[in-house]
Amino acid sequence: MEIREVFARNLRALRQAKGLSQEELAHRAGIDRTYISSLERCVYSASIDVVDQIARALGISAANLLDKSKSDITE
């Protein structure tokens, strides 16, 4: 699995686990909701800065969003 796919799966799973909509997460991270949707669908690749913004908004480390072992659990 590519890192973009790992990020997308972890992003969706962690966002849902926190009970956040894409819109709420986007607001907290200071980015557009459609961008969150695109990231979760692997349409775009996130820059390291965006990964950090999203992680901060979720209250987690950026490494959690890129952790392949977390993504394997949801397969």
PDB file of N, CA and C in Angstrom:
ATOM      1  N   MET A   1       0.838  -1.177   0.000  1.00  0.00           N
ATOM      2  CA  MET A   1       0.000   0.000   0.000  1.00  0.00           C
ATOM      3  C   MET A   1       0.889   1.249   0.000  1.00  0.00           C
ATOM      4  N   GLU A   2       0.548   2.200  -0.851  1.00  0.00           N
ATOM      5  CA  GLU A   2       1.298   3.446  -0.925  1.00  0.00           C
ATOM      6  C   GLU A   2       1.032   4.313   0.303  1.00  0.00           C
ATOM      7  N   ILE A   3       1.981   5.190   0.621  1.00  0.00           N
ATOM      8  CA  ILE A   3       1.850   6.041   1.800  1.00  0.00           C
ATOM      9  C   ILE A   3       0.629   6.945   1.692  1.00  0.00           C
ATOM     10  N   ARG A   4       0.277   7.354   0.486  1.00  0.00           N
ATOM     11  CA  ARG A   4      -0.916   8.199   0.316  1.00  0.00           C
ATOM     12  C   ARG A   4      -2.176   7.437   0.725  1.00  0.00           C
ATOM     13  N   GLU A   5      -2.231   6.151   0.410  1.00  0.00           N
ATOM     14  CA  GLU A   5      -3.371   5.325   0.801  1.00  0.00           C
ATOM     15  C   GLU A   5      -3.403   5.118   2.313  1.00  0.00           C
ATOM     16  N   VAL A   6      -2.243   4.910   2.906  1.00  0.00           N
ATOM     17  CA  VAL A   6      -2.144   4.766   4.364  1.00  0.00           C
ATOM     18  C   VAL A   6      -2.658   6.037   5.032  1.00  0.00           C
ATOM     19  N   PHE A   7      -2.184   7.175   4.547  1.00  0.00           N
ATOM     20  CA  PHE A   7      -2.624   8.464   5.093  1.00  0.00           C
ATOM     21  C   PHE A   7      -4.136   8.617   4.958  1.00  0.00           C
ATOM     22  N   ALA A   8      -4.675   8.308   3.791  1.00  0.00           N
ATOM     23  CA  ALA A   8      -6.117   8.459   3.551  1.00  0.00           C
ATOM     24  C   ALA A   8      -6.943   7.596   4.501  1.00  0.00           C
ATOM     25  N   ARG A   9      -6.551   6.347   4.658  1.00  0.00           N
ATOM     26  CA  ARG A   9      -7.299   5.449   5.557  1.00  0.00           C
ATOM     27  C   ARG A   9      -7.198   5.900   7.010  1.00  0.00           C
ATOM     28  N   ASN A  10      -5.992   6.268   7.424  1.00  0.00           N
ATOM     29  CA  ASN A  10      -5.811   6.714   8.806  1.00  0.00           C
ATOM     30  C   ASN A  10      -6.554   8.018   9.063  1.00  0.00           C
ATOM     31  N   LEU A  11      -6.505   8.928   8.106  1.00  0.00           N
ATOM     32  CA  LEU A  11      -7.208  10.196   8.258  1.00  0.00           C
ATOM     33  C   LEU A  11      -8.697   9.965   8.473  1.00  0.00           C
ATOM     34  N   ARG A  12      -9.307   9.178   7.623  1.00  0.00           N
ATOM     35  CA  ARG A  12     -10.746   8.918   7.742  1.00  0.00           C
ATOM     36  C   ARG A  12     -11.067   8.216   9.067  1.00  0.00           C
ATOM     37  N   ALA A  13     -10.292   7.188   9.403  1.00  0.00           N
ATOM     38  CA  ALA A  13     -10.563   6.418  10.626  1.00  0.00           C
ATOM     39  C   ALA A  13     -10.396   7.285  11.875  1.00  0.00           C
ATOM     40  N   LEU A  14      -9.324   8.063  11.924  1.00  0.00           N
ATOM     41  CA  LEU A  14      -9.077   8.898  13.101  1.00  0.00           C
ATOM     42  C   LEU A  14     -10.082  10.043  13.196  1.00  0.00           C
ATOM     43  N   ARG A  15     -10.462  10.615  12.065  1.00  0.00           N
ATOM     44  CA  ARG A  15     -11.477  11.677  12.066  1.00  0.00           C
ATOM     45  C   ARG A  15     -12.804  11.134  12.588  1.00  0.00           C
ATOM     46  N   GLN A  16     -13.200   9.980  12.089  1.00  0.00           N
ATOM     47  CA  GLN A  16     -14.460   9.376  12.524  1.00  0.00           C
ATOM     48  C   GLN A  16     -14.404   8.955  13.991  1.00  0.00           C
ATOM     49  N   ALA A  17     -13.262   8.453  14.436  1.00  0.00           N
ATOM     50  CA  ALA A  17     -13.100   8.056  15.835  1.00  0.00           C
ATOM     51  C   ALA A  17     -13.251   9.254  16.774  1.00  0.00           C
ATOM     52  N   LYS A  18     -12.861  10.433  16.296  1.00  0.00           N
ATOM     53  CA  LYS A  18     -13.008  11.662  17.097  1.00  0.00           C
ATOM     54  C   LYS A  18     -14.403  12.259  16.959  1.00  0.00           C
ATOM     55  N   GLY A  19     -15.233  11.650  16.112  1.00  0.00           N
ATOM     56  CA  GLY A  19     -16.599  12.128  15.921  1.00  0.00           C
ATOM     57  C   GLY A  19     -16.678  13.443  15.159  1.00  0.00           C
ATOM     58  N   LEU A  20     -15.714  13.672  14.271  1.00  0.00           N
ATOM     59  CA  LEU A  20     -15.675  14.929  13.523  1.00  0.00           C
ATOM     60  C   LEU A  20     -16.144  14.726  12.086  1.00  0.00           C
ATOM     61  N   SER A  21     -16.891  15.685  11.589  1.00  0.00           N
ATOM     62  CA  SER A  21     -17.222  15.697  10.165  1.00  0.00           C
ATOM     63  C   SER A  21     -16.013  16.225   9.401  1.00  0.00           C
ATOM     64  N   GLN A  22     -16.025  16.025   8.110  1.00  0.00           N
ATOM     65  CA  GLN A  22     -14.957  16.593   7.290  1.00  0.00           C
ATOM     66  C   GLN A  22     -14.953  18.113   7.426  1.00  0.00           C
ATOM     67  N   GLU A  23     -16.130  18.703   7.486  1.00  0.00           N
ATOM     68  CA  GLU A  23     -16.242  20.148   7.607  1.00  0.00           C
ATOM     69  C   GLU A  23     -15.644  20.661   8.917  1.00  0.00           C
ATOM     70  N   GLU A  24     -15.942  19.979  10.018  1.00  0.00           N
ATOM     71  CA  GLU A  24     -15.407  20.405  11.316  1.00  0.00           C
ATOM     72  C   GLU A  24     -13.891  20.260  11.365  1.00  0.00           C
ATOM     73  N   LEU A  25     -13.389  19.147  10.859  1.00  0.00           N
ATOM     74  CA  LEU A  25     -11.937  18.952  10.839  1.00  0.00           C
ATOM     75  C   LEU A  25     -11.270  20.021   9.974  1.00  0.00           C
ATOM     76  N   ALA A  26     -11.838  20.278   8.825  1.00  0.00           N
ATOM     77  CA  ALA A  26     -11.283  21.299   7.938  1.00  0.00           C
ATOM     78  C   ALA A  26     -11.244  22.653   8.627  1.00  0.00           C
ATOM     79  N   HIS A  27     -12.315  23.007   9.327  1.00  0.00           N
ATOM     80  CA  HIS A  27     -12.371  24.278  10.057  1.00  0.00           C
ATOM     81  C   HIS A  27     -11.264  24.338  11.110  1.00  0.00           C
ATOM     82  N   ARG A  28     -11.123  23.272  11.880  1.00  0.00           N
ATOM     83  CA  ARG A  28     -10.094  23.229  12.931  1.00  0.00           C
ATOM     84  C   ARG A  28      -8.680  23.297  12.359  1.00  0.00           C
ATOM     85  N   ALA A  29      -8.487  22.692  11.181  1.00  0.00           N
ATOM     86  CA  ALA A  29      -7.159  22.649  10.563  1.00  0.00           C
ATOM     87  C   ALA A  29      -6.873  23.879   9.690  1.00  0.00           C
ATOM     88  N   GLY A  30      -7.899  24.663   9.427  1.00  0.00           N
ATOM     89  CA  GLY A  30      -7.711  25.854   8.603  1.00  0.00           C
ATOM     90  C   GLY A  30      -7.541  25.551   7.124  1.00  0.00           C
ATOM     91  N   ILE A  31      -8.193  24.477   6.674  1.00  0.00           N
ATOM     92  CA  ILE A  31      -8.151  24.125   5.253  1.00  0.00           C
ATOM     93  C   ILE A  31      -9.570  23.881   4.760  1.00  0.00           C
ATOM     94  N   ASP A  32      -9.735  23.720   3.471  1.00  0.00           N
ATOM     95  CA  ASP A  32     -11.049  23.569   2.873  1.00  0.00           C
ATOM     96  C   ASP A  32     -11.601  22.155   3.062  1.00  0.00           C
ATOM     97  N   ARG A  33     -12.913  22.035   3.258  1.00  0.00           N
ATOM     98  CA  ARG A  33     -13.552  20.736   3.449  1.00  0.00           C
ATOM     99  C   ARG A  33     -13.369  19.845   2.231  1.00  0.00           C
ATOM    100  N   THR A  34     -13.436  20.422   1.051  1.00  0.00           N
ATOM    101  CA  THR A  34     -13.282  19.593  -0.147  1.00  0.00           C
ATOM    102  C   THR A  34     -11.877  19.007  -0.247  1.00  0.00           C
ATOM    103  N   TYR A  35     -10.913  19.690   0.346  1.00  0.00           N
ATOM    104  CA  TYR A  35      -9.544  19.170   0.359  1.00  0.00           C
ATOM    105  C   TYR A  35      -9.452  17.950   1.278  1.00  0.00           C
ATOM    106  N   ILE A  36     -10.108  18.011   2.431  1.00  0.00           N
ATOM    107  CA  ILE A  36     -10.156  16.842   3.334  1.00  0.00           C
ATOM    108  C   ILE A  36     -10.768  15.654   2.593  1.00  0.00           C
ATOM    109  N   SER A  37     -11.881  15.896   1.919  1.00  0.00           N
ATOM    110  CA  SER A  37     -12.539  14.838   1.159  1.00  0.00           C
ATOM    111  C   SER A  37     -11.593  14.258   0.105  1.00  0.00           C
ATOM    112  N   SER A  38     -10.903  15.114  -0.602  1.00  0.00           N
ATOM    113  CA  SER A  38      -9.968  14.660  -1.637  1.00  0.00           C
ATOM    114  C   SER A  38      -8.810  13.862  -1.056  1.00  0.00           C
ATOM    115  N   LEU A  39      -8.332  14.276   0.106  1.00  0.00           N
ATOM    116  CA  LEU A  39      -7.259  13.523   0.765  1.00  0.00           C
ATOM    117  C   LEU A  39      -7.740  12.134   1.172  1.00  0.00           C
ATOM    118  N   GLU A  40      -8.952  12.046   1.700  1.00  0.00           N
ATOM    119  CA  GLU A  40      -9.492  10.756   2.130  1.00  0.00           C
ATOM    120  C   GLU A  40      -9.759   9.822   0.954  1.00  0.00           C
ATOM    121  N   ARG A  41      -9.935  10.377  -0.237  1.00  0.00           N
ATOM    122  CA  ARG A  41     -10.184   9.579  -1.439  1.00  0.00           C
ATOM    123  C   ARG A  41      -8.926   9.393  -2.281  1.00  0.00           C
ATOM    124  N   CYS A  42      -7.772   9.823  -1.775  1.00  0.00           N
ATOM    125  CA  CYS A  42      -6.478   9.700  -2.464  1.00  0.00           C
ATOM    126  C   CYS A  42      -6.438  10.474  -3.778  1.00  0.00           C
ATOM    127  N   VAL A  43      -7.190  11.549  -3.876  1.00  0.00           N
ATOM    128  CA  VAL A  43      -7.150  12.376  -5.077  1.00  0.00           C
ATOM    129  C   VAL A  43      -5.896  13.238  -5.065  1.00  0.00           C
ATOM    130  N   TYR A  44      -5.548  13.759  -3.893  1.00  0.00           N
ATOM    131  CA  TYR A  44      -4.368  14.599  -3.735  1.00  0.00           C
ATOM    132  C   TYR A  44      -3.413  13.975  -2.727  1.00  0.00           C
ATOM    133  N   SER A  45      -2.162  14.383  -2.827  1.00  0.00           N
ATOM    134  CA  SER A  45      -1.157  14.050  -1.821  1.00  0.00           C
ATOM    135  C   SER A  45      -0.999  15.259  -0.909  1.00  0.00           C
ATOM    136  N   ALA A  46      -0.963  15.032   0.378  1.00  0.00           N
ATOM    137  CA  ALA A  46      -0.819  16.129   1.343  1.00  0.00           C
ATOM    138  C   ALA A  46       0.647  16.502   1.507  1.00  0.00           C
ATOM    139  N   SER A  47       0.898  17.790   1.617  1.00  0.00           N
ATOM    140  CA  SER A  47       2.249  18.233   1.956  1.00  0.00           C
ATOM    141  C   SER A  47       2.501  17.919   3.425  1.00  0.00           C
ATOM    142  N   ILE A  48       3.743  17.955   3.823  1.00  0.00           N
ATOM    143  CA  ILE A  48       4.085  17.690   5.219  1.00  0.00           C
ATOM    144  C   ILE A  48       3.454  18.735   6.133  1.00  0.00           C
ATOM    145  N   ASP A  49       3.316  19.962   5.643  1.00  0.00           N
ATOM    146  CA  ASP A  49       2.677  21.016   6.429  1.00  0.00           C
ATOM    147  C   ASP A  49       1.200  20.721   6.656  1.00  0.00           C
ATOM    148  N   VAL A  50       0.528  20.221   5.636  1.00  0.00           N
ATOM    149  CA  VAL A  50      -0.891  19.876   5.767  1.00  0.00           C
ATOM    150  C   VAL A  50      -1.062  18.685   6.709  1.00  0.00           C
ATOM    151  N   VAL A  51      -0.175  17.702   6.602  1.00  0.00           N
ATOM    152  CA  VAL A  51      -0.227  16.562   7.530  1.00  0.00           C
ATOM    153  C   VAL A  51      -0.129  17.069   8.966  1.00  0.00           C
ATOM    154  N   ASP A  52       0.766  17.998   9.202  1.00  0.00           N
ATOM    155  CA  ASP A  52       0.936  18.565  10.542  1.00  0.00           C
ATOM    156  C   ASP A  52      -0.300  19.335  10.982  1.00  0.00           C
ATOM    157  N   GLN A  53      -0.888  20.142  10.105  1.00  0.00           N
ATOM    158  CA  GLN A  53      -2.089  20.902  10.449  1.00  0.00           C
ATOM    159  C   GLN A  53      -3.235  19.967  10.823  1.00  0.00           C
ATOM    160  N   ILE A  54      -3.420  18.922  10.051  1.00  0.00           N
ATOM    161  CA  ILE A  54      -4.503  17.969  10.319  1.00  0.00           C
ATOM    162  C   ILE A  54      -4.244  17.222  11.622  1.00  0.00           C
ATOM    163  N   ALA A  55      -3.013  16.803  11.831  1.00  0.00           N
ATOM    164  CA  ALA A  55      -2.679  16.089  13.069  1.00  0.00           C
ATOM    165  C   ALA A  55      -2.956  16.966  14.284  1.00  0.00           C
ATOM    166  N   ARG A  56      -2.561  18.210  14.226  1.00  0.00           N
ATOM    167  CA  ARG A  56      -2.809  19.133  15.344  1.00  0.00           C
ATOM    168  C   ARG A  56      -4.304  19.293  15.587  1.00  0.00           C
ATOM    169  N   ALA A  57      -5.071  19.402  14.514  1.00  0.00           N
ATOM    170  CA  ALA A  57      -6.517  19.549  14.635  1.00  0.00           C
ATOM    171  C   ALA A  57      -7.158  18.307  15.261  1.00  0.00           C
ATOM    172  N   LEU A  58      -6.559  17.147  15.007  1.00  0.00           N
ATOM    173  CA  LEU A  58      -7.061  15.896  15.582  1.00  0.00           C
ATOM    174  C   LEU A  58      -6.498  15.629  16.985  1.00  0.00           C
ATOM    175  N   GLY A  59      -5.501  16.403  17.373  1.00  0.00           N
ATOM    176  CA  GLY A  59      -4.876  16.204  18.683  1.00  0.00           C
ATOM    177  C   GLY A  59      -3.987  14.981  18.739  1.00  0.00           C
ATOM    178  N   ILE A  60      -3.337  14.679  17.625  1.00  0.00           N
ATOM    179  CA  ILE A  60      -2.458  13.510  17.543  1.00  0.00           C
ATOM    180  C   ILE A  60      -1.135  13.938  16.924  1.00  0.00           C
ATOM    181  N   SER A  61      -0.175  13.025  16.877  1.00  0.00           N
ATOM    182  CA  SER A  61       1.085  13.328  16.196  1.00  0.00           C
ATOM    183  C   SER A  61       0.922  13.036  14.710  1.00  0.00           C
ATOM    184  N   ALA A  62       1.709  13.717  13.908  1.00  0.00           N
ATOM    185  CA  ALA A  62       1.686  13.493  12.462  1.00  0.00           C
ATOM    186  C   ALA A  62       2.034  12.034  12.142  1.00  0.00           C
ATOM    187  N   ALA A  63       2.882  11.440  12.945  1.00  0.00           N
ATOM    188  CA  ALA A  63       3.281  10.048  12.718  1.00  0.00           C
ATOM    189  C   ALA A  63       2.077   9.106  12.756  1.00  0.00           C
ATOM    190  N   ASN A  64       1.089   9.415  13.584  1.00  0.00           N
ATOM    191  CA  ASN A  64      -0.109   8.562  13.647  1.00  0.00           C
ATOM    192  C   ASN A  64      -0.845   8.513  12.311  1.00  0.00           C
ATOM    193  N   LEU A  65      -0.830   9.608  11.589  1.00  0.00           N
ATOM    194  CA  LEU A  65      -1.507   9.639  10.289  1.00  0.00           C
ATOM    195  C   LEU A  65      -0.767   8.839   9.228  1.00  0.00           C
ATOM    196  N   LEU A  66       0.516   8.595   9.457  1.00  0.00           N
ATOM    197  CA  LEU A  66       1.332   7.893   8.469  1.00  0.00           C
ATOM    198  C   LEU A  66       1.705   6.475   8.902  1.00  0.00           C
ATOM    199  N   ASP A  67       1.154   6.020  10.010  1.00  0.00           N
ATOM    200  CA  ASP A  67       1.489   4.719  10.580  1.00  0.00           C
ATOM    201  C   ASP A  67       0.803   3.595   9.832  1.00  0.00           C
ATOM    202  N   LYS A  68       1.581   2.820   9.083  1.00  0.00           N
ATOM    203  CA  LYS A  68       1.020   1.728   8.281  1.00  0.00           C
ATOM    204  C   LYS A  68       0.348   0.664   9.146  1.00  0.00           C
ATOM    205  N   SER A  69       0.844   0.432  10.341  1.00  0.00           N
ATOM    206  CA  SER A  69       0.244  -0.604  11.193  1.00  0.00           C
ATOM    207  C   SER A  69      -1.185  -0.242  11.579  1.00  0.00           C
ATOM    208  N   LYS A  70      -1.481   1.038  11.724  1.00  0.00           N
ATOM    209  CA  LYS A  70      -2.846   1.454  12.039  1.00  0.00           C
ATOM    210  C   LYS A  70      -3.761   1.230  10.841  1.00  0.00           C
ATOM    211  N   SER A  71      -3.237   1.444   9.657  1.00  0.00           N
ATOM    212  CA  SER A  71      -4.009   1.257   8.438  1.00  0.00           C
ATOM    213  C   SER A  71      -4.299  -0.221   8.189  1.00  0.00           C
ATOM    214  N   ASP A  72      -3.352  -1.080   8.532  1.00  0.00           N
ATOM    215  CA  ASP A  72      -3.536  -2.522   8.346  1.00  0.00           C
ATOM    216  C   ASP A  72      -4.693  -3.052   9.181  1.00  0.00           C
ATOM    217  N   ILE A  73      -4.934  -2.455  10.316  1.00  0.00           N
ATOM    218  CA  ILE A  73      -6.015  -2.905  11.210  1.00  0.00           C
ATOM    219  C   ILE A  73      -7.368  -2.718  10.543  1.00  0.00           C
ATOM    220  N   THR A  74      -7.516  -1.667   9.728  1.00  0.00           N
ATOM    221  CA  THR A  74      -8.807  -1.370   9.116  1.00  0.00           C
ATOM    222  C   THR A  74      -9.034  -2.122   7.816  1.00  0.00           C
ATOM    223  N   GLU A  75      -8.058  -2.901   7.354  1.00  0.00           N
ATOM    224  CA  GLU A  75      -8.218  -3.650   6.096  1.00  0.00           C
ATOM    225  C   GLU A  75      -9.128  -4.837   6.282  1.00  0.00           C
TER     226      GLU A  75
END
